[in-house]
């Protein structure tokens, strides 16, 4: 008889407080009214209650179906991607205005079926938000665009304040965690962003708890700084369902604090590191960073 597989028990520090559902319901009502998707809902984010209660959301465009099947992600990949909805950018901009957002995060599913990976739709969203809410700062959390740097240039030409592209994991685990991604391509995207738009704040994120070592995490942090990445997020991976990758271990809050200190010593302008951190968790804090380290569009 084979030995039973050890069960990794979720620790106390990963429990989230119950939100005030009146505020959450208001955000959900706006999203349903305008027929918009959020990564908060589609990817089963543990911070959904806190963020919705605060009136924030990370909008998921061109979805909800994704052309990739990353085994850590809860976004649907079994449905066929639909044609782009050209009314989506206006509806998104209306939601930003109705929610009174000072900072908005726009992300997308992977759309490898599109020649530009969906870059044009990101641009439309940015342009519409500028029309409806000109004071709102904009962060785009983009896929790797299959290495199409012309598409990257199209997005950057629309002048978002922040460009985020997640590294997700260490190079050794890419084949099992992010099989259709490429570690070097991710680093190249961040380097190209700095070359094309030196004024933009670049950002990337890591999941931990999938079997990486301390040395491997430190190496990725150093690689990101070498690519002149400004902002780093580090959070605990949580298994969305039984069919997804299992958690290897739960990292202590003290270790997340140590990574934050290391990141700051390496020169990141901002490091958000905690068990519940996700790539857009408290993303609005970038506005304080922009005051401390102002940059002008060139």
Protein backbone atom coordinates (compact mmCIF):
# COMPACT_ATOMS: atom_id res chain seq x y z
CA UNK A 1 0.00 0.00 0.00
CA UNK A 2 1.35 3.42 -0.94
CA UNK A 3 1.72 5.93 1.91
CA UNK A 4 -0.98 8.56 2.14
CA UNK A 5 -0.04 11.96 0.71
CA UNK A 6 0.70 14.52 3.42
CA UNK A 7 -1.93 17.23 3.78
CA UNK A 8 -0.60 20.78 4.00
CA UNK A 9 -2.86 22.57 6.48
CA UNK A 10 -3.67 26.21 5.84
CA UNK A 11 -2.30 28.31 8.73
CA UNK A 12 -4.16 30.90 10.76
CA UNK A 13 -2.47 33.87 9.09
CA UNK A 14 -4.18 33.06 5.79
CA UNK A 15 -7.68 33.56 7.14
CA UNK A 16 -9.42 36.66 5.81
CA UNK A 17 -11.98 38.81 7.61
CA UNK A 18 -15.59 38.68 6.46
CA UNK A 19 -16.36 41.84 4.44
CA UNK A 20 -19.27 44.21 4.83
CA UNK A 21 -21.47 42.80 2.11
CA UNK A 22 -23.43 46.00 1.57
CA UNK A 23 -20.36 47.65 0.02
CA UNK A 24 -19.37 44.46 -1.80
CA UNK A 25 -22.86 44.19 -3.22
CA UNK A 26 -22.65 47.73 -4.59
CA UNK A 27 -19.48 46.93 -6.54
CA UNK A 28 -20.97 43.67 -7.81
CA UNK A 29 -24.09 45.55 -8.92
CA UNK A 30 -22.00 47.98 -10.98
CA UNK A 31 -20.04 45.14 -12.56
CA UNK A 32 -23.18 43.17 -13.43
CA UNK A 33 -24.97 46.27 -14.69
CA UNK A 34 -22.11 47.06 -17.08
CA UNK A 35 -21.43 43.39 -17.91
CA UNK A 36 -17.77 43.48 -16.86
CA UNK A 37 -15.43 40.77 -15.62
CA UNK A 38 -12.93 41.11 -12.80
CA UNK A 39 -9.91 38.96 -12.06
CA UNK A 40 -11.05 39.18 -8.44
CA UNK A 41 -13.98 36.91 -9.27
CA UNK A 42 -12.65 34.88 -12.19
CA UNK A 43 -9.40 33.91 -10.42
CA UNK A 44 -10.98 33.37 -6.98
CA UNK A 45 -8.80 36.00 -5.29
CA UNK A 46 -8.83 35.71 -1.46
CA UNK A 47 -8.87 39.51 -1.13
CA UNK A 48 -12.08 40.03 -3.08
CA UNK A 49 -14.07 41.01 0.01
CA UNK A 50 -11.52 43.55 1.20
CA UNK A 51 -11.04 45.11 -2.23
CA UNK A 52 -14.73 45.24 -3.13
CA UNK A 53 -15.48 46.69 0.29
CA UNK A 54 -12.93 49.44 -0.43
CA UNK A 55 -14.57 50.08 -3.80
CA UNK A 56 -11.69 48.72 -5.89
CA UNK A 57 -11.48 46.00 -8.50
CA UNK A 58 -9.04 44.67 -11.10
CA UNK A 59 -10.87 44.59 -14.41
CA UNK A 60 -10.41 41.57 -16.65
CA UNK A 61 -10.82 42.43 -20.32
CA UNK A 62 -11.18 40.26 -23.44
CA UNK A 63 -12.40 37.37 -21.32
CA UNK A 64 -13.37 35.40 -19.45
CA UNK A 65 -11.96 32.56 -21.63
CA UNK A 66 -8.14 32.26 -21.82
CA UNK A 67 -6.03 30.70 -24.58
CA UNK A 68 -3.55 29.24 -22.06
CA UNK A 69 -4.01 26.56 -19.43
CA UNK A 70 -1.73 27.49 -16.54
CA UNK A 71 -2.33 24.85 -13.83
CA UNK A 72 -2.22 27.38 -10.97
CA UNK A 73 -4.87 29.72 -12.40
CA UNK A 74 -8.63 29.48 -11.94
CA UNK A 75 -9.53 31.45 -15.08
CA UNK A 76 -11.45 29.34 -17.61
CA UNK A 77 -9.42 27.96 -20.53
CA UNK A 78 -11.92 25.39 -21.79
CA UNK A 79 -14.25 27.84 -23.51
CA UNK A 80 -13.41 29.26 -26.93
CA UNK A 81 -12.31 32.93 -26.80
CA UNK A 82 -14.88 35.27 -28.28
CA UNK A 83 -14.44 38.13 -30.73
CA UNK A 84 -13.40 41.41 -29.13
CA UNK A 85 -16.24 43.50 -27.77
CA UNK A 86 -15.55 47.07 -28.83
CA UNK A 87 -18.08 48.43 -26.34
CA UNK A 88 -16.10 46.93 -23.44
CA UNK A 89 -13.65 49.87 -23.06
CA UNK A 90 -16.50 52.39 -22.71
CA UNK A 91 -18.35 50.23 -20.19
CA UNK A 92 -15.13 49.78 -18.21
CA UNK A 93 -14.55 53.54 -18.18
CA UNK A 94 -18.12 54.07 -16.96
CA UNK A 95 -17.48 51.64 -14.09
CA UNK A 96 -14.30 53.48 -13.11
CA UNK A 97 -16.24 56.73 -12.98
CA UNK A 98 -19.19 55.26 -11.05
CA UNK A 99 -16.85 53.65 -8.53
CA UNK A 100 -14.86 56.87 -8.17
CA UNK A 101 -11.55 55.06 -8.60
CA UNK A 102 -8.37 57.10 -8.16
CA UNK A 103 -6.29 54.20 -9.49
CA UNK A 104 -7.45 51.40 -11.76
CA UNK A 105 -5.85 48.10 -12.73
CA UNK A 106 -6.69 46.57 -16.11
CA UNK A 107 -5.60 43.02 -16.85
CA UNK A 108 -6.61 40.44 -19.42
CA UNK A 109 -6.72 36.79 -20.23
CA UNK A 110 -4.07 35.60 -22.67
CA UNK A 111 -5.32 36.15 -26.21
CA UNK A 112 -2.70 34.32 -28.25
CA UNK A 113 -5.34 34.01 -30.98
CA UNK A 114 -5.08 37.74 -31.74
CA UNK A 115 -2.23 39.14 -33.90
CA UNK A 116 -1.41 41.83 -31.32
CA UNK A 117 -2.28 39.75 -28.26
CA UNK A 118 -5.03 42.22 -27.44
CA UNK A 119 -2.80 45.32 -27.25
CA UNK A 120 -5.32 47.44 -29.18
CA UNK A 121 -8.05 46.63 -26.64
CA UNK A 122 -5.79 47.74 -23.78
CA UNK A 123 -5.26 51.01 -25.64
CA UNK A 124 -8.99 51.56 -26.14
CA UNK A 125 -9.57 51.02 -22.42
CA UNK A 126 -6.86 53.51 -21.48
CA UNK A 127 -8.23 56.10 -23.89
CA UNK A 128 -11.81 55.74 -22.63
CA UNK A 129 -10.76 56.02 -18.98
CA UNK A 130 -8.83 59.18 -19.81
CA UNK A 131 -12.03 60.63 -21.26
CA UNK A 132 -14.31 59.68 -18.35
CA UNK A 133 -11.85 60.04 -15.44
CA UNK A 134 -8.79 62.05 -16.50
CA UNK A 135 -7.36 62.18 -12.96
CA UNK A 136 -7.39 58.40 -12.50
CA UNK A 137 -3.99 56.72 -12.73
CA UNK A 138 -3.89 53.57 -14.84
CA UNK A 139 -2.02 50.31 -14.33
CA UNK A 140 -2.04 47.62 -17.00
CA UNK A 141 -1.22 44.04 -16.01
CA UNK A 142 -0.40 42.49 -19.37
CA UNK A 143 0.40 39.00 -20.70
CA UNK A 144 3.72 38.37 -22.45
CA UNK A 145 2.16 39.06 -25.90
CA UNK A 146 4.16 36.06 -27.22
CA UNK A 147 7.17 38.37 -27.43
CA UNK A 148 5.50 40.79 -29.85
CA UNK A 149 7.39 43.97 -28.91
CA UNK A 150 5.53 46.06 -31.49
CA UNK A 151 2.33 45.25 -29.58
CA UNK A 152 4.08 46.25 -26.34
CA UNK A 153 5.03 49.57 -27.92
CA UNK A 154 1.39 50.15 -28.89
CA UNK A 155 0.29 49.76 -25.26
CA UNK A 156 3.06 51.99 -23.94
CA UNK A 157 2.23 54.69 -26.49
CA UNK A 158 -1.11 55.09 -24.68
CA UNK A 159 0.93 56.13 -21.61
CA UNK A 160 -0.33 54.06 -18.68
CA UNK A 161 1.37 55.09 -15.45
CA UNK A 162 2.26 51.51 -14.48
CA UNK A 163 3.04 48.46 -16.61
CA UNK A 164 2.86 45.17 -14.73
CA UNK A 165 3.85 41.76 -16.04
CA UNK A 166 4.09 38.91 -13.56
CA UNK A 167 7.08 36.60 -13.42
CA UNK A 168 4.90 34.20 -11.37
CA UNK A 169 7.57 31.66 -10.36
CA UNK A 170 11.22 30.65 -10.53
CA UNK A 171 12.80 29.40 -13.80
CA UNK A 172 13.04 25.78 -12.62
CA UNK A 173 9.27 25.56 -12.11
CA UNK A 174 8.16 27.25 -15.35
CA UNK A 175 7.51 23.99 -17.18
CA UNK A 176 5.10 22.76 -14.50
CA UNK A 177 3.63 26.09 -13.38
CA UNK A 178 3.63 28.29 -16.47
CA UNK A 179 4.18 25.85 -19.37
CA UNK A 180 3.31 28.29 -22.16
CA UNK A 181 5.35 31.09 -20.63
CA UNK A 182 9.07 31.79 -20.86
CA UNK A 183 11.17 33.21 -18.04
CA UNK A 184 13.65 35.01 -20.28
CA UNK A 185 10.81 36.45 -22.37
CA UNK A 186 9.27 37.88 -19.20
CA UNK A 187 12.53 39.57 -18.27
CA UNK A 188 12.92 40.83 -21.82
CA UNK A 189 9.43 42.35 -21.72
CA UNK A 190 10.36 44.34 -18.63
CA UNK A 191 13.66 45.44 -20.18
CA UNK A 192 11.94 46.46 -23.42
CA UNK A 193 9.38 48.43 -21.44
CA UNK A 194 12.14 50.42 -19.76
CA UNK A 195 13.78 51.10 -23.14
CA UNK A 196 10.55 52.13 -24.86
CA UNK A 197 9.05 54.12 -21.97
CA UNK A 198 11.65 55.11 -19.34
CA UNK A 199 8.99 57.15 -17.54
CA UNK A 200 6.67 54.22 -16.80
CA UNK A 201 6.75 52.41 -13.44
CA UNK A 202 7.40 48.73 -14.09
CA UNK A 203 6.08 46.02 -11.82
CA UNK A 204 6.18 42.24 -11.48
CA UNK A 205 4.95 39.60 -9.06
CA UNK A 206 5.88 36.21 -7.64
CA UNK A 207 3.91 33.34 -6.11
CA UNK A 208 5.64 31.25 -3.45
CA UNK A 209 4.83 27.93 -1.84
CA UNK A 210 5.30 25.78 -4.95
CA UNK A 211 8.63 24.24 -3.97
CA UNK A 212 11.09 27.05 -4.67
CA UNK A 213 14.21 27.54 -2.55
CA UNK A 214 15.36 30.70 -0.81
CA UNK A 215 18.31 30.97 -3.19
CA UNK A 216 16.00 30.69 -6.23
CA UNK A 217 13.71 33.45 -4.95
CA UNK A 218 16.69 35.71 -4.37
CA UNK A 219 17.98 35.01 -7.88
CA UNK A 220 14.66 36.03 -9.43
CA UNK A 221 14.61 39.22 -7.36
CA UNK A 222 18.10 40.05 -8.59
CA UNK A 223 17.10 39.31 -12.20
CA UNK A 224 14.12 41.65 -11.90
CA UNK A 225 16.29 44.43 -10.54
CA UNK A 226 18.76 43.85 -13.36
CA UNK A 227 15.80 44.43 -15.70
CA UNK A 228 15.20 47.72 -13.80
CA UNK A 229 11.85 46.60 -12.40
CA UNK A 230 10.52 49.21 -9.95
CA UNK A 231 7.84 47.38 -7.97
CA UNK A 232 7.70 43.81 -6.72
CA UNK A 233 4.83 41.85 -5.18
CA UNK A 234 5.29 38.49 -3.43
CA UNK A 235 2.39 36.38 -2.18
CA UNK A 236 1.47 32.87 -1.09
CA UNK A 237 0.08 30.53 -3.77
CA UNK A 238 -3.30 29.08 -2.81
CA UNK A 239 -4.82 26.12 -4.63
CA UNK A 240 -8.12 27.30 -6.22
CA UNK A 241 -9.60 23.79 -6.68
CA UNK A 242 -8.55 20.16 -6.39
CA UNK A 243 -7.66 20.06 -10.10
CA UNK A 244 -5.04 22.79 -9.73
CA UNK A 245 -1.44 22.59 -8.56
CA UNK A 246 -1.11 21.65 -4.91
CA UNK A 247 0.52 23.90 -2.34
CA UNK A 248 3.96 22.61 -1.43
CA UNK A 249 4.31 24.73 1.71
CA UNK A 250 2.92 27.79 3.47
CA UNK A 251 5.51 30.52 3.96
CA UNK A 252 5.59 32.37 7.28
CA UNK A 253 4.84 36.11 7.55
CA UNK A 254 8.38 36.58 8.92
CA UNK A 255 9.84 35.24 5.66
CA UNK A 256 7.69 37.62 3.63
CA UNK A 257 9.02 40.47 5.78
CA UNK A 258 12.57 39.30 5.10
CA UNK A 259 11.93 39.32 1.34
CA UNK A 260 10.52 42.83 1.57
CA UNK A 261 13.67 44.01 3.34
CA UNK A 262 15.86 42.24 0.78
CA UNK A 263 13.92 43.77 -2.10
CA UNK A 264 14.30 47.25 -0.66
CA UNK A 265 18.03 46.70 -0.23
CA UNK A 266 18.27 45.60 -3.87
CA UNK A 267 16.76 48.90 -4.99
CA UNK A 268 13.09 48.20 -5.70
CA UNK A 269 11.11 51.40 -5.19
CA UNK A 270 8.30 49.42 -3.58
CA UNK A 271 7.99 45.84 -2.33
CA UNK A 272 4.61 44.46 -1.22
CA UNK A 273 5.24 41.09 0.40
CA UNK A 274 2.81 39.16 2.58
CA UNK A 275 0.89 35.86 2.51
CA UNK A 276 -2.23 37.46 0.99
CA UNK A 277 -0.44 39.80 -1.42
CA UNK A 278 -1.54 39.54 -5.03
CA UNK A 279 -0.24 41.50 -8.03
CA UNK A 280 -2.88 44.22 -7.72
CA UNK A 281 -3.33 44.12 -3.93
CA UNK A 282 -3.27 47.74 -2.64
CA UNK A 283 -2.13 48.79 -6.11
CA UNK A 284 -3.31 52.32 -5.38
CA UNK A 285 -0.26 52.75 -3.13
CA UNK A 286 1.73 53.43 -6.30
CA UNK A 287 0.36 56.97 -6.20
CA UNK A 288 2.44 57.68 -3.11
CA UNK A 289 5.48 56.23 -4.89
CA UNK A 290 4.81 58.53 -7.85
CA UNK A 291 4.95 61.53 -5.53
CA UNK A 292 8.26 60.38 -4.06
CA UNK A 293 9.82 59.45 -7.41
CA UNK A 294 8.09 61.59 -10.06
CA UNK A 295 8.74 60.86 -13.72
CA UNK A 296 7.77 62.80 -16.80
CA UNK A 297 6.64 61.31 -20.09
CA UNK A 298 9.36 61.85 -22.65
